[in-house]
Amino acid sequence: MGTIRKLDENVNIVGTNLKRIRENCGLSQYDLCCKLELLGVTMYKADIYEIENNKRLVKDFESKALCLALGISLDELYADTDKYFEH
């Protein structure tokens, strides 16, 4: 298995936003999993936890499904992530 590439020790750049948005929507990790399942995307609480804590990659279809489940745009999910590229 190959090495996972990281950006400043982060496996993804949306985890912090995902957690904030999910909590602002009043959803538990389980609730979010249920909404994703209705969209045909199977994710478990452990997946959500690992994404929110920058320990798991996010596939492109997962990021889109997360946005649909949360009623947000991709821009909102990726808000304030430019900071990861400023050195």
PDB file of N, CA and C in Angstrom:
ATOM      1  N   MET A   1       0.842  -1.183   0.000  1.00  0.00           N
ATOM      2  CA  MET A   1       0.000   0.000   0.000  1.00  0.00           C
ATOM      3  C   MET A   1       0.882   1.239   0.000  1.00  0.00           C
ATOM      4  N   GLY A   2       0.502   2.248  -0.757  1.00  0.00           N
ATOM      5  CA  GLY A   2       1.294   3.459  -0.885  1.00  0.00           C
ATOM      6  C   GLY A   2       1.164   4.381   0.312  1.00  0.00           C
ATOM      7  N   THR A   3       2.030   5.347   0.334  1.00  0.00           N
ATOM      8  CA  THR A   3       2.026   6.354   1.385  1.00  0.00           C
ATOM      9  C   THR A   3       0.974   7.412   1.071  1.00  0.00           C
ATOM     10  N   ILE A   4       0.259   7.837   2.089  1.00  0.00           N
ATOM     11  CA  ILE A   4      -0.727   8.895   1.914  1.00  0.00           C
ATOM     12  C   ILE A   4       0.000  10.233   1.932  1.00  0.00           C
ATOM     13  N   ARG A   5      -0.212  11.011   0.906  1.00  0.00           N
ATOM     14  CA  ARG A   5       0.391  12.345   0.855  1.00  0.00           C
ATOM     15  C   ARG A   5      -0.344  13.266   1.803  1.00  0.00           C
ATOM     16  N   LYS A   6       0.408  14.129   2.459  1.00  0.00           N
ATOM     17  CA  LYS A   6      -0.167  15.066   3.421  1.00  0.00           C
ATOM     18  C   LYS A   6       0.218  16.481   3.049  1.00  0.00           C
ATOM     19  N   LEU A   7      -0.595  17.415   3.503  1.00  0.00           N
ATOM     20  CA  LEU A   7      -0.312  18.832   3.345  1.00  0.00           C
ATOM     21  C   LEU A   7      -0.198  19.404   4.748  1.00  0.00           C
ATOM     22  N   ASP A   8       1.005  19.742   5.154  1.00  0.00           N
ATOM     23  CA  ASP A   8       1.247  20.243   6.517  1.00  0.00           C
ATOM     24  C   ASP A   8       0.653  19.305   7.568  1.00  0.00           C
ATOM     25  N   GLU A   9       0.917  18.018   7.402  1.00  0.00           N
ATOM     26  CA  GLU A   9       0.459  16.966   8.316  1.00  0.00           C
ATOM     27  C   GLU A   9      -1.049  16.734   8.287  1.00  0.00           C
ATOM     28  N   ASN A  10      -1.759  17.320   7.341  1.00  0.00           N
ATOM     29  CA  ASN A  10      -3.193  17.094   7.195  1.00  0.00           C
ATOM     30  C   ASN A  10      -3.443  16.139   6.039  1.00  0.00           C
ATOM     31  N   VAL A  11      -4.305  15.160   6.275  1.00  0.00           N
ATOM     32  CA  VAL A  11      -4.682  14.223   5.223  1.00  0.00           C
ATOM     33  C   VAL A  11      -5.773  14.836   4.351  1.00  0.00           C
ATOM     34  N   ASN A  12      -6.548  15.762   4.915  1.00  0.00           N
ATOM     35  CA  ASN A  12      -7.549  16.509   4.144  1.00  0.00           C
ATOM     36  C   ASN A  12      -7.586  17.940   4.673  1.00  0.00           C
ATOM     37  N   ILE A  13      -8.262  18.818   3.944  1.00  0.00           N
ATOM     38  CA  ILE A  13      -8.330  20.223   4.376  1.00  0.00           C
ATOM     39  C   ILE A  13      -9.750  20.659   4.719  1.00  0.00           C
ATOM     40  N   VAL A  14     -10.710  19.729   4.695  1.00  0.00           N
ATOM     41  CA  VAL A  14     -12.101  20.099   4.951  1.00  0.00           C
ATOM     42  C   VAL A  14     -12.631  19.584   6.287  1.00  0.00           C
ATOM     43  N   GLY A  15     -11.851  18.803   6.988  1.00  0.00           N
ATOM     44  CA  GLY A  15     -12.338  18.168   8.213  1.00  0.00           C
ATOM     45  C   GLY A  15     -12.843  19.145   9.256  1.00  0.00           C
ATOM     46  N   THR A  16     -12.100  20.204   9.486  1.00  0.00           N
ATOM     47  CA  THR A  16     -12.500  21.198  10.485  1.00  0.00           C
ATOM     48  C   THR A  16     -13.819  21.857  10.094  1.00  0.00           C
ATOM     49  N   ASN A  17     -13.933  22.218   8.809  1.00  0.00           N
ATOM     50  CA  ASN A  17     -15.179  22.816   8.339  1.00  0.00           C
ATOM     51  C   ASN A  17     -16.337  21.837   8.444  1.00  0.00           C
ATOM     52  N   LEU A  18     -16.093  20.588   8.088  1.00  0.00           N
ATOM     53  CA  LEU A  18     -17.154  19.577   8.145  1.00  0.00           C
ATOM     54  C   LEU A  18     -17.704  19.467   9.559  1.00  0.00           C
ATOM     55  N   LYS A  19     -16.829  19.383  10.533  1.00  0.00           N
ATOM     56  CA  LYS A  19     -17.287  19.258  11.919  1.00  0.00           C
ATOM     57  C   LYS A  19     -18.092  20.475  12.350  1.00  0.00           C
ATOM     58  N   ARG A  20     -17.587  21.658  12.042  1.00  0.00           N
ATOM     59  CA  ARG A  20     -18.285  22.896  12.423  1.00  0.00           C
ATOM     60  C   ARG A  20     -19.669  22.959  11.788  1.00  0.00           C
ATOM     61  N   ILE A  21     -19.736  22.680  10.497  1.00  0.00           N
ATOM     62  CA  ILE A  21     -21.014  22.754   9.778  1.00  0.00           C
ATOM     63  C   ILE A  21     -21.984  21.693  10.285  1.00  0.00           C
ATOM     64  N   ARG A  22     -21.489  20.469  10.469  1.00  0.00           N
ATOM     65  CA  ARG A  22     -22.352  19.389  10.962  1.00  0.00           C
ATOM     66  C   ARG A  22     -22.939  19.759  12.316  1.00  0.00           C
ATOM     67  N   GLU A  23     -22.102  20.251  13.213  1.00  0.00           N
ATOM     68  CA  GLU A  23     -22.574  20.631  14.543  1.00  0.00           C
ATOM     69  C   GLU A  23     -23.542  21.813  14.480  1.00  0.00           C
ATOM     70  N   ASN A  24     -23.261  22.778  13.590  1.00  0.00           N
ATOM     71  CA  ASN A  24     -24.175  23.919  13.433  1.00  0.00           C
ATOM     72  C   ASN A  24     -25.531  23.491  12.898  1.00  0.00           C
ATOM     73  N   CYS A  25     -25.563  22.401  12.144  1.00  0.00           N
ATOM     74  CA  CYS A  25     -26.821  21.848  11.629  1.00  0.00           C
ATOM     75  C   CYS A  25     -27.541  21.011  12.683  1.00  0.00           C
ATOM     76  N   GLY A  26     -26.898  20.797  13.824  1.00  0.00           N
ATOM     77  CA  GLY A  26     -27.498  20.010  14.892  1.00  0.00           C
ATOM     78  C   GLY A  26     -27.502  18.517  14.613  1.00  0.00           C
ATOM     79  N   LEU A  27     -26.564  18.072  13.785  1.00  0.00           N
ATOM     80  CA  LEU A  27     -26.506  16.660  13.413  1.00  0.00           C
ATOM     81  C   LEU A  27     -25.389  15.939  14.154  1.00  0.00           C
ATOM     82  N   SER A  28     -25.664  14.718  14.565  1.00  0.00           N
ATOM     83  CA  SER A  28     -24.612  13.862  15.100  1.00  0.00           C
ATOM     84  C   SER A  28     -23.891  13.217  13.917  1.00  0.00           C
ATOM     85  N   GLN A  29     -22.780  12.589  14.192  1.00  0.00           N
ATOM     86  CA  GLN A  29     -22.085  11.863  13.128  1.00  0.00           C
ATOM     87  C   GLN A  29     -22.990  10.763  12.570  1.00  0.00           C
ATOM     88  N   TYR A  30     -23.744  10.106  13.439  1.00  0.00           N
ATOM     89  CA  TYR A  30     -24.670   9.064  12.999  1.00  0.00           C
ATOM     90  C   TYR A  30     -25.752   9.652  12.089  1.00  0.00           C
ATOM     91  N   ASP A  31     -26.300  10.805  12.474  1.00  0.00           N
ATOM     92  CA  ASP A  31     -27.323  11.460  11.646  1.00  0.00           C
ATOM     93  C   ASP A  31     -26.797  11.744  10.244  1.00  0.00           C
ATOM     94  N   LEU A  32     -25.567  12.227  10.176  1.00  0.00           N
ATOM     95  CA  LEU A  32     -24.961  12.526   8.882  1.00  0.00           C
ATOM     96  C   LEU A  32     -24.786  11.252   8.065  1.00  0.00           C
ATOM     97  N   CYS A  33     -24.387  10.185   8.716  1.00  0.00           N
ATOM     98  CA  CYS A  33     -24.251   8.893   8.021  1.00  0.00           C
ATOM     99  C   CYS A  33     -25.584   8.454   7.418  1.00  0.00           C
ATOM    100  N   CYS A  34     -26.654   8.638   8.153  1.00  0.00           N
ATOM    101  CA  CYS A  34     -27.992   8.272   7.663  1.00  0.00           C
ATOM    102  C   CYS A  34     -28.376   9.099   6.443  1.00  0.00           C
ATOM    103  N   LYS A  35     -28.096  10.394   6.470  1.00  0.00           N
ATOM    104  CA  LYS A  35     -28.393  11.253   5.317  1.00  0.00           C
ATOM    105  C   LYS A  35     -27.566  10.837   4.103  1.00  0.00           C
ATOM    106  N   LEU A  36     -26.317  10.477   4.328  1.00  0.00           N
ATOM    107  CA  LEU A  36     -25.461  10.031   3.233  1.00  0.00           C
ATOM    108  C   LEU A  36     -25.972   8.713   2.651  1.00  0.00           C
ATOM    109  N   GLU A  37     -26.432   7.825   3.509  1.00  0.00           N
ATOM    110  CA  GLU A  37     -26.963   6.532   3.059  1.00  0.00           C
ATOM    111  C   GLU A  37     -28.147   6.739   2.115  1.00  0.00           C
ATOM    112  N   LEU A  38     -28.983   7.724   2.411  1.00  0.00           N
ATOM    113  CA  LEU A  38     -30.127   8.035   1.536  1.00  0.00           C
ATOM    114  C   LEU A  38     -29.668   8.509   0.161  1.00  0.00           C
ATOM    115  N   LEU A  39     -28.452   9.022   0.087  1.00  0.00           N
ATOM    116  CA  LEU A  39     -27.878   9.464  -1.191  1.00  0.00           C
ATOM    117  C   LEU A  39     -27.097   8.349  -1.878  1.00  0.00           C
ATOM    118  N   GLY A  40     -27.037   7.177  -1.240  1.00  0.00           N
ATOM    119  CA  GLY A  40     -26.332   6.046  -1.833  1.00  0.00           C
ATOM    120  C   GLY A  40     -24.854   5.980  -1.479  1.00  0.00           C
ATOM    121  N   VAL A  41     -24.441   6.752  -0.483  1.00  0.00           N
ATOM    122  CA  VAL A  41     -23.040   6.765  -0.059  1.00  0.00           C
ATOM    123  C   VAL A  41     -22.965   6.195   1.358  1.00  0.00           C
ATOM    124  N   THR A  42     -22.290   5.080   1.498  1.00  0.00           N
ATOM    125  CA  THR A  42     -22.150   4.452   2.802  1.00  0.00           C
ATOM    126  C   THR A  42     -20.902   4.961   3.498  1.00  0.00           C
ATOM    127  N   MET A  43     -21.129   5.599   4.628  1.00  0.00           N
ATOM    128  CA  MET A  43     -20.038   6.030   5.497  1.00  0.00           C
ATOM    129  C   MET A  43     -20.455   5.701   6.920  1.00  0.00           C
ATOM    130  N   TYR A  44     -19.478   5.425   7.752  1.00  0.00           N
ATOM    131  CA  TYR A  44     -19.734   5.080   9.141  1.00  0.00           C
ATOM    132  C   TYR A  44     -19.283   6.225  10.047  1.00  0.00           C
ATOM    133  N   LYS A  45     -19.756   6.179  11.300  1.00  0.00           N
ATOM    134  CA  LYS A  45     -19.355   7.220  12.254  1.00  0.00           C
ATOM    135  C   LYS A  45     -17.838   7.337  12.326  1.00  0.00           C
ATOM    136  N   ALA A  46     -17.152   6.229  12.263  1.00  0.00           N
ATOM    137  CA  ALA A  46     -15.685   6.252  12.317  1.00  0.00           C
ATOM    138  C   ALA A  46     -15.108   7.006  11.123  1.00  0.00           C
ATOM    139  N   ASP A  47     -15.743   6.876   9.944  1.00  0.00           N
ATOM    140  CA  ASP A  47     -15.290   7.616   8.763  1.00  0.00           C
ATOM    141  C   ASP A  47     -15.435   9.112   8.978  1.00  0.00           C
ATOM    142  N   ILE A  48     -16.592   9.518   9.487  1.00  0.00           N
ATOM    143  CA  ILE A  48     -16.841  10.946   9.734  1.00  0.00           C
ATOM    144  C   ILE A  48     -15.843  11.468  10.769  1.00  0.00           C
ATOM    145  N   TYR A  49     -15.642  10.706  11.839  1.00  0.00           N
ATOM    146  CA  TYR A  49     -14.688  11.097  12.874  1.00  0.00           C
ATOM    147  C   TYR A  49     -13.295  11.286  12.284  1.00  0.00           C
ATOM    148  N   GLU A  50     -12.857  10.333  11.476  1.00  0.00           N
ATOM    149  CA  GLU A  50     -11.512  10.406  10.906  1.00  0.00           C
ATOM    150  C   GLU A  50     -11.369  11.564   9.922  1.00  0.00           C
ATOM    151  N   ILE A  51     -12.414  11.862   9.167  1.00  0.00           N
ATOM    152  CA  ILE A  51     -12.372  13.011   8.262  1.00  0.00           C
ATOM    153  C   ILE A  51     -12.292  14.297   9.083  1.00  0.00           C
ATOM    154  N   GLU A  52     -13.152  14.415  10.089  1.00  0.00           N
ATOM    155  CA  GLU A  52     -13.183  15.625  10.911  1.00  0.00           C
ATOM    156  C   GLU A  52     -11.871  15.855  11.665  1.00  0.00           C
ATOM    157  N   ASN A  53     -11.145  14.799  11.906  1.00  0.00           N
ATOM    158  CA  ASN A  53      -9.876  14.905  12.634  1.00  0.00           C
ATOM    159  C   ASN A  53      -8.663  14.752  11.714  1.00  0.00           C
ATOM    160  N   ASN A  54      -8.891  14.962  10.427  1.00  0.00           N
ATOM    161  CA  ASN A  54      -7.831  14.969   9.413  1.00  0.00           C
ATOM    162  C   ASN A  54      -7.007  13.685   9.386  1.00  0.00           C
ATOM    163  N   LYS A  55      -7.663  12.557   9.575  1.00  0.00           N
ATOM    164  CA  LYS A  55      -6.983  11.268   9.564  1.00  0.00           C
ATOM    165  C   LYS A  55      -7.403  10.412   8.376  1.00  0.00           C
ATOM    166  N   ARG A  56      -8.325  10.921   7.552  1.00  0.00           N
ATOM    167  CA  ARG A  56      -8.836  10.142   6.428  1.00  0.00           C
ATOM    168  C   ARG A  56      -9.017  11.045   5.222  1.00  0.00           C
ATOM    169  N   LEU A  57      -8.675  10.518   4.067  1.00  0.00           N
ATOM    170  CA  LEU A  57      -8.904  11.233   2.812  1.00  0.00           C
ATOM    171  C   LEU A  57     -10.397  11.327   2.528  1.00  0.00           C
ATOM    172  N   VAL A  58     -10.772  12.326   1.754  1.00  0.00           N
ATOM    173  CA  VAL A  58     -12.159  12.479   1.317  1.00  0.00           C
ATOM    174  C   VAL A  58     -12.188  12.311  -0.191  1.00  0.00           C
ATOM    175  N   LYS A  59     -12.946  11.344  -0.657  1.00  0.00           N
ATOM    176  CA  LYS A  59     -13.081  11.121  -2.096  1.00  0.00           C
ATOM    177  C   LYS A  59     -13.967  12.205  -2.684  1.00  0.00           C
ATOM    178  N   ASP A  60     -13.821  12.459  -3.975  1.00  0.00           N
ATOM    179  CA  ASP A  60     -14.584  13.542  -4.595  1.00  0.00           C
ATOM    180  C   ASP A  60     -16.089  13.320  -4.473  1.00  0.00           C
ATOM    181  N   PHE A  61     -16.559  12.090  -4.682  1.00  0.00           N
ATOM    182  CA  PHE A  61     -18.000  11.839  -4.573  1.00  0.00           C
ATOM    183  C   PHE A  61     -18.481  11.966  -3.128  1.00  0.00           C
ATOM    184  N   GLU A  62     -17.586  11.708  -2.163  1.00  0.00           N
ATOM    185  CA  GLU A  62     -17.960  11.880  -0.767  1.00  0.00           C
ATOM    186  C   GLU A  62     -18.117  13.351  -0.416  1.00  0.00           C
ATOM    187  N   SER A  63     -17.224  14.185  -0.928  1.00  0.00           N
ATOM    188  CA  SER A  63     -17.338  15.611  -0.629  1.00  0.00           C
ATOM    189  C   SER A  63     -18.628  16.179  -1.217  1.00  0.00           C
ATOM    190  N   LYS A  64     -18.977  15.742  -2.412  1.00  0.00           N
ATOM    191  CA  LYS A  64     -20.236  16.192  -3.021  1.00  0.00           C
ATOM    192  C   LYS A  64     -21.431  15.708  -2.209  1.00  0.00           C
ATOM    193  N   ALA A  65     -21.416  14.438  -1.808  1.00  0.00           N
ATOM    194  CA  ALA A  65     -22.512  13.887  -1.011  1.00  0.00           C
ATOM    195  C   ALA A  65     -22.611  14.575   0.349  1.00  0.00           C
ATOM    196  N   LEU A  66     -21.476  14.875   0.963  1.00  0.00           N
ATOM    197  CA  LEU A  66     -21.498  15.602   2.234  1.00  0.00           C
ATOM    198  C   LEU A  66     -22.184  16.952   2.074  1.00  0.00           C
ATOM    199  N   CYS A  67     -21.875  17.639   0.995  1.00  0.00           N
ATOM    200  CA  CYS A  67     -22.505  18.933   0.731  1.00  0.00           C
ATOM    201  C   CYS A  67     -24.012  18.789   0.539  1.00  0.00           C
ATOM    202  N   LEU A  68     -24.418  17.804  -0.241  1.00  0.00           N
ATOM    203  CA  LEU A  68     -25.852  17.577  -0.461  1.00  0.00           C
ATOM    204  C   LEU A  68     -26.557  17.235   0.848  1.00  0.00           C
ATOM    205  N   ALA A  69     -25.945  16.380   1.649  1.00  0.00           N
ATOM    206  CA  ALA A  69     -26.546  15.959   2.915  1.00  0.00           C
ATOM    207  C   ALA A  69     -26.663  17.121   3.901  1.00  0.00           C
ATOM    208  N   LEU A  70     -25.709  18.039   3.849  1.00  0.00           N
ATOM    209  CA  LEU A  70     -25.703  19.177   4.771  1.00  0.00           C
ATOM    210  C   LEU A  70     -26.396  20.410   4.197  1.00  0.00           C
ATOM    211  N   GLY A  71     -26.772  20.345   2.925  1.00  0.00           N
ATOM    212  CA  GLY A  71     -27.437  21.491   2.294  1.00  0.00           C
ATOM    213  C   GLY A  71     -26.509  22.675   2.097  1.00  0.00           C
ATOM    214  N   ILE A  72     -25.248  22.387   1.765  1.00  0.00           N
ATOM    215  CA  ILE A  72     -24.260  23.451   1.572  1.00  0.00           C
ATOM    216  C   ILE A  72     -23.606  23.295   0.204  1.00  0.00           C
ATOM    217  N   SER A  73     -22.831  24.293  -0.188  1.00  0.00           N
ATOM    218  CA  SER A  73     -22.097  24.228  -1.451  1.00  0.00           C
ATOM    219  C   SER A  73     -20.679  23.714  -1.187  1.00  0.00           C
ATOM    220  N   LEU A  74     -20.021  23.297  -2.252  1.00  0.00           N
ATOM    221  CA  LEU A  74     -18.616  22.913  -2.129  1.00  0.00           C
ATOM    222  C   LEU A  74     -17.781  24.086  -1.637  1.00  0.00           C
ATOM    223  N   ASP A  75     -18.127  25.301  -2.071  1.00  0.00           N
ATOM    224  CA  ASP A  75     -17.404  26.488  -1.602  1.00  0.00           C
ATOM    225  C   ASP A  75     -17.493  26.617  -0.078  1.00  0.00           C
ATOM    226  N   GLU A  76     -18.656  26.320   0.485  1.00  0.00           N
ATOM    227  CA  GLU A  76     -18.807  26.397   1.933  1.00  0.00           C
ATOM    228  C   GLU A  76     -17.963  25.324   2.630  1.00  0.00           C
ATOM    229  N   LEU A  77     -17.934  24.124   2.052  1.00  0.00           N
ATOM    230  CA  LEU A  77     -17.133  23.056   2.637  1.00  0.00           C
ATOM    231  C   LEU A  77     -15.653  23.409   2.602  1.00  0.00           C
ATOM    232  N   TYR A  78     -15.229  24.084   1.542  1.00  0.00           N
ATOM    233  CA  TYR A  78     -13.816  24.438   1.371  1.00  0.00           C
ATOM    234  C   TYR A  78     -13.490  25.858   1.844  1.00  0.00           C
ATOM    235  N   ALA A  79     -14.410  26.508   2.553  1.00  0.00           N
ATOM    236  CA  ALA A  79     -14.196  27.876   3.035  1.00  0.00           C
ATOM    237  C   ALA A  79     -12.948  27.956   3.913  1.00  0.00           C
ATOM    238  N   ASP A  80     -12.196  29.022   3.736  1.00  0.00           N
ATOM    239  CA  ASP A  80     -11.007  29.312   4.551  1.00  0.00           C
ATOM    240  C   ASP A  80      -9.915  28.239   4.460  1.00  0.00           C
ATOM    241  N   THR A  81      -9.879  27.505   3.370  1.00  0.00           N
ATOM    242  CA  THR A  81      -8.835  26.482   3.226  1.00  0.00           C
ATOM    243  C   THR A  81      -7.625  26.991   2.457  1.00  0.00           C
ATOM    244  N   ASP A  82      -7.696  28.207   1.931  1.00  0.00           N
ATOM    245  CA  ASP A  82      -6.533  28.773   1.236  1.00  0.00           C
ATOM    246  C   ASP A  82      -5.324  28.879   2.156  1.00  0.00           C
ATOM    247  N   LYS A  83      -5.586  28.976   3.455  1.00  0.00           N
ATOM    248  CA  LYS A  83      -4.494  29.114   4.425  1.00  0.00           C
ATOM    249  C   LYS A  83      -3.517  27.948   4.386  1.00  0.00           C
ATOM    250  N   TYR A  84      -3.987  26.791   3.922  1.00  0.00           N
ATOM    251  CA  TYR A  84      -3.109  25.633   3.834  1.00  0.00           C
ATOM    252  C   TYR A  84      -2.053  25.780   2.740  1.00  0.00           C
ATOM    253  N   PHE A  85      -2.252  26.737   1.847  1.00  0.00           N
ATOM    254  CA  PHE A  85      -1.345  26.929   0.719  1.00  0.00           C
ATOM    255  C   PHE A  85      -0.512  28.187   0.836  1.00  0.00           C
ATOM    256  N   GLU A  86      -0.674  28.922   1.924  1.00  0.00           N
ATOM    257  CA  GLU A  86       0.084  30.150   2.147  1.00  0.00           C
ATOM    258  C   GLU A  86       1.285  29.838   3.024  1.00  0.00           C
ATOM    259  N   HIS A  87       2.459  30.043   2.492  1.00  0.00           N
ATOM    260  CA  HIS A  87       3.678  29.745   3.258  1.00  0.00           C
ATOM    261  C   HIS A  87       4.590  30.935   3.296  1.00  0.00           C
TER     262      HIS A  87
END
